[in-house]
Every structure is written in C-alpha cells, then in structure tokens.
Amino acid sequence: MSKYKVIVYAISKNEEKFVDRWAKSMAEADGIYVCDTGSDDNTVTALREHNINVKEIKVEPWRFDTARNISVSYTHLTLPTNSLV
C-alpha cells in the first residue's frame, strides 16, 4: 500500500453521456470529487450511482477558474494535513 493517495477533482455540466466511461477510468483513485455547475440532465444522479462525491454549485458570472478552485477546495476536506497538493 502506497503512502500516497490519488485524489481526482473535476467540474461538470450536462455530462451524463460520459459519466460511465469517465468513472471507470477513475476507478483506481482513492477519492473522486465533482462539482456540478448546473446540469439539467442526469449527470448528478449518474455520478452518485458510481459513489462519486458530488457537490452542486452555482458560479455566476461563469468563470472556469472559480469553479475549478471550488472543486479543489472540497478535496482538502479528506486529505491528511501533511499532504502535497
């Protein structure tokens, strides 16, 4: 067992058709966190069916960097204090 952990973070919006393939490709990660930025399809439900941690957020005005930074901030909730990010 490695002393390092792999944590995946992402943002999404209306990505339902890609969730299954994406989730399978991330399966070896120690944690997966997605911030959904307002999907009106079944993206959130599909992610949760894969036991992915999902937060629903609203970013207005839209800024990719803001959404990304919010997503990254949720990963810190599960990392040990001596982790490298």
C-alpha atoms as a PDB file:
ATOM      1  CA  MET A   1       0.000   0.000   0.000  1.00  0.00           C
ATOM      2  CA  SER A   2       1.388   3.356  -1.036  1.00  0.00           C
ATOM      3  CA  LYS A   3       1.762   6.188   1.440  1.00  0.00           C
ATOM      4  CA  TYR A   4       0.468   8.498  -1.276  1.00  0.00           C
ATOM      5  CA  LYS A   5      -3.160   8.952  -2.245  1.00  0.00           C
ATOM      6  CA  VAL A   6      -4.597   9.830  -5.616  1.00  0.00           C
ATOM      7  CA  ILE A   7      -7.488  12.280  -5.393  1.00  0.00           C
ATOM      8  CA  VAL A   8      -9.396  13.297  -8.524  1.00  0.00           C
ATOM      9  CA  TYR A   9     -11.345  16.527  -8.778  1.00  0.00           C
ATOM     10  CA  ALA A  10     -13.455  17.752 -11.671  1.00  0.00           C
ATOM     11  CA  ILE A  11     -16.226  20.090 -12.660  1.00  0.00           C
ATOM     12  CA  SER A  12     -19.182  19.045 -14.770  1.00  0.00           C
ATOM     13  CA  LYS A  13     -22.258  20.316 -16.519  1.00  0.00           C
ATOM     14  CA  ASN A  14     -24.539  18.119 -18.621  1.00  0.00           C
ATOM     15  CA  GLU A  15     -22.025  15.282 -18.955  1.00  0.00           C
ATOM     16  CA  GLU A  16     -24.403  12.384 -18.368  1.00  0.00           C
ATOM     17  CA  LYS A  17     -23.430  10.544 -21.545  1.00  0.00           C
ATOM     18  CA  PHE A  18     -19.761  10.450 -20.481  1.00  0.00           C
ATOM     19  CA  VAL A  19     -20.144   9.570 -16.790  1.00  0.00           C
ATOM     20  CA  ASP A  20     -19.907   5.771 -17.036  1.00  0.00           C
ATOM     21  CA  ARG A  21     -16.739   5.764 -19.099  1.00  0.00           C
ATOM     22  CA  TRP A  22     -15.156   8.560 -17.061  1.00  0.00           C
ATOM     23  CA  ALA A  23     -15.980   6.931 -13.715  1.00  0.00           C
ATOM     24  CA  LYS A  24     -14.466   3.622 -14.860  1.00  0.00           C
ATOM     25  CA  SER A  25     -11.279   5.405 -15.892  1.00  0.00           C
ATOM     26  CA  MET A  26     -11.005   6.962 -12.410  1.00  0.00           C
ATOM     27  CA  ALA A  27     -11.791   3.753 -10.504  1.00  0.00           C
ATOM     28  CA  GLU A  28      -8.307   3.354  -9.016  1.00  0.00           C
ATOM     29  CA  ALA A  29      -8.356   6.779  -7.373  1.00  0.00           C
ATOM     30  CA  ASP A  30      -8.567   6.973  -3.597  1.00  0.00           C
ATOM     31  CA  GLY A  31     -11.206   9.691  -3.849  1.00  0.00           C
ATOM     32  CA  ILE A  32     -13.249  11.345  -6.593  1.00  0.00           C
ATOM     33  CA  TYR A  33     -14.879  14.739  -6.153  1.00  0.00           C
ATOM     34  CA  VAL A  34     -17.011  16.517  -8.731  1.00  0.00           C
ATOM     35  CA  CYS A  35     -18.600  19.947  -8.560  1.00  0.00           C
ATOM     36  CA  ASP A  36     -21.578  20.070 -10.860  1.00  0.00           C
ATOM     37  CA  THR A  37     -22.210  23.574 -12.128  1.00  0.00           C
ATOM     38  CA  GLY A  38     -25.883  23.295 -13.009  1.00  0.00           C
ATOM     39  CA  SER A  39     -26.627  20.201 -15.069  1.00  0.00           C
ATOM     40  CA  ASP A  40     -30.187  19.843 -16.320  1.00  0.00           C
ATOM     41  CA  ASP A  41     -29.697  16.229 -17.394  1.00  0.00           C
ATOM     42  CA  ASN A  42     -28.968  13.248 -15.107  1.00  0.00           C
ATOM     43  CA  THR A  43     -25.262  13.944 -14.610  1.00  0.00           C
ATOM     44  CA  VAL A  44     -25.504  14.278 -10.826  1.00  0.00           C
ATOM     45  CA  THR A  45     -27.560  11.100 -10.443  1.00  0.00           C
ATOM     46  CA  ALA A  46     -25.210   9.140 -12.710  1.00  0.00           C
ATOM     47  CA  LEU A  47     -22.145  10.319 -10.769  1.00  0.00           C
ATOM     48  CA  ARG A  48     -23.718   9.380  -7.436  1.00  0.00           C
ATOM     49  CA  GLU A  49     -24.607   5.929  -8.795  1.00  0.00           C
ATOM     50  CA  HIS A  50     -20.835   5.439  -9.129  1.00  0.00           C
ATOM     51  CA  ASN A  51     -20.370   6.528  -5.480  1.00  0.00           C
ATOM     52  CA  ILE A  52     -18.670   9.728  -6.568  1.00  0.00           C
ATOM     53  CA  ASN A  53     -18.778  12.649  -4.148  1.00  0.00           C
ATOM     54  CA  VAL A  54     -20.814  15.378  -5.850  1.00  0.00           C
ATOM     55  CA  LYS A  55     -21.400  18.964  -4.780  1.00  0.00           C
ATOM     56  CA  GLU A  56     -23.839  21.077  -6.745  1.00  0.00           C
ATOM     57  CA  ILE A  57     -22.608  24.648  -7.091  1.00  0.00           C
ATOM     58  CA  LYS A  58     -23.586  27.795  -8.928  1.00  0.00           C
ATOM     59  CA  VAL A  59     -20.908  30.112 -10.304  1.00  0.00           C
ATOM     60  CA  GLU A  60     -22.194  33.460 -11.561  1.00  0.00           C
ATOM     61  CA  PRO A  61     -20.857  35.038 -13.544  1.00  0.00           C
ATOM     62  CA  TRP A  62     -19.388  31.849 -15.002  1.00  0.00           C
ATOM     63  CA  ARG A  63     -15.652  31.529 -14.500  1.00  0.00           C
ATOM     64  CA  PHE A  64     -13.832  28.274 -15.070  1.00  0.00           C
ATOM     65  CA  ASP A  65     -11.114  29.170 -12.570  1.00  0.00           C
ATOM     66  CA  THR A  66     -13.647  29.848  -9.828  1.00  0.00           C
ATOM     67  CA  ALA A  67     -15.448  26.534 -10.422  1.00  0.00           C
ATOM     68  CA  ARG A  68     -12.115  24.678 -10.511  1.00  0.00           C
ATOM     69  CA  ASN A  69     -10.940  26.295  -7.270  1.00  0.00           C
ATOM     70  CA  ILE A  70     -14.179  25.398  -5.503  1.00  0.00           C
ATOM     71  CA  SER A  71     -13.790  21.810  -6.688  1.00  0.00           C
ATOM     72  CA  VAL A  72     -10.200  21.662  -5.440  1.00  0.00           C
ATOM     73  CA  SER A  73     -11.260  23.047  -2.056  1.00  0.00           C
ATOM     74  CA  TYR A  74     -13.531  20.035  -1.443  1.00  0.00           C
ATOM     75  CA  THR A  75     -10.619  17.624  -1.858  1.00  0.00           C
ATOM     76  CA  HIS A  76      -8.832  19.261   1.063  1.00  0.00           C
ATOM     77  CA  LEU A  77     -11.580  18.065   3.386  1.00  0.00           C
ATOM     78  CA  THR A  78     -10.345  14.482   3.051  1.00  0.00           C
ATOM     79  CA  LEU A  79      -6.591  14.897   2.819  1.00  0.00           C
ATOM     80  CA  PRO A  80      -4.233  14.498   5.782  1.00  0.00           C
ATOM     81  CA  THR A  81      -2.663  17.764   6.923  1.00  0.00           C
ATOM     82  CA  ASN A  82       0.778  16.731   5.648  1.00  0.00           C
ATOM     83  CA  SER A  83      -0.403  16.076   2.062  1.00  0.00           C
ATOM     84  CA  LEU A  84       1.072  17.596  -1.044  1.00  0.00           C
ATOM     85  CA  VAL A  85      -1.475  19.276  -3.273  1.00  0.00           C
END
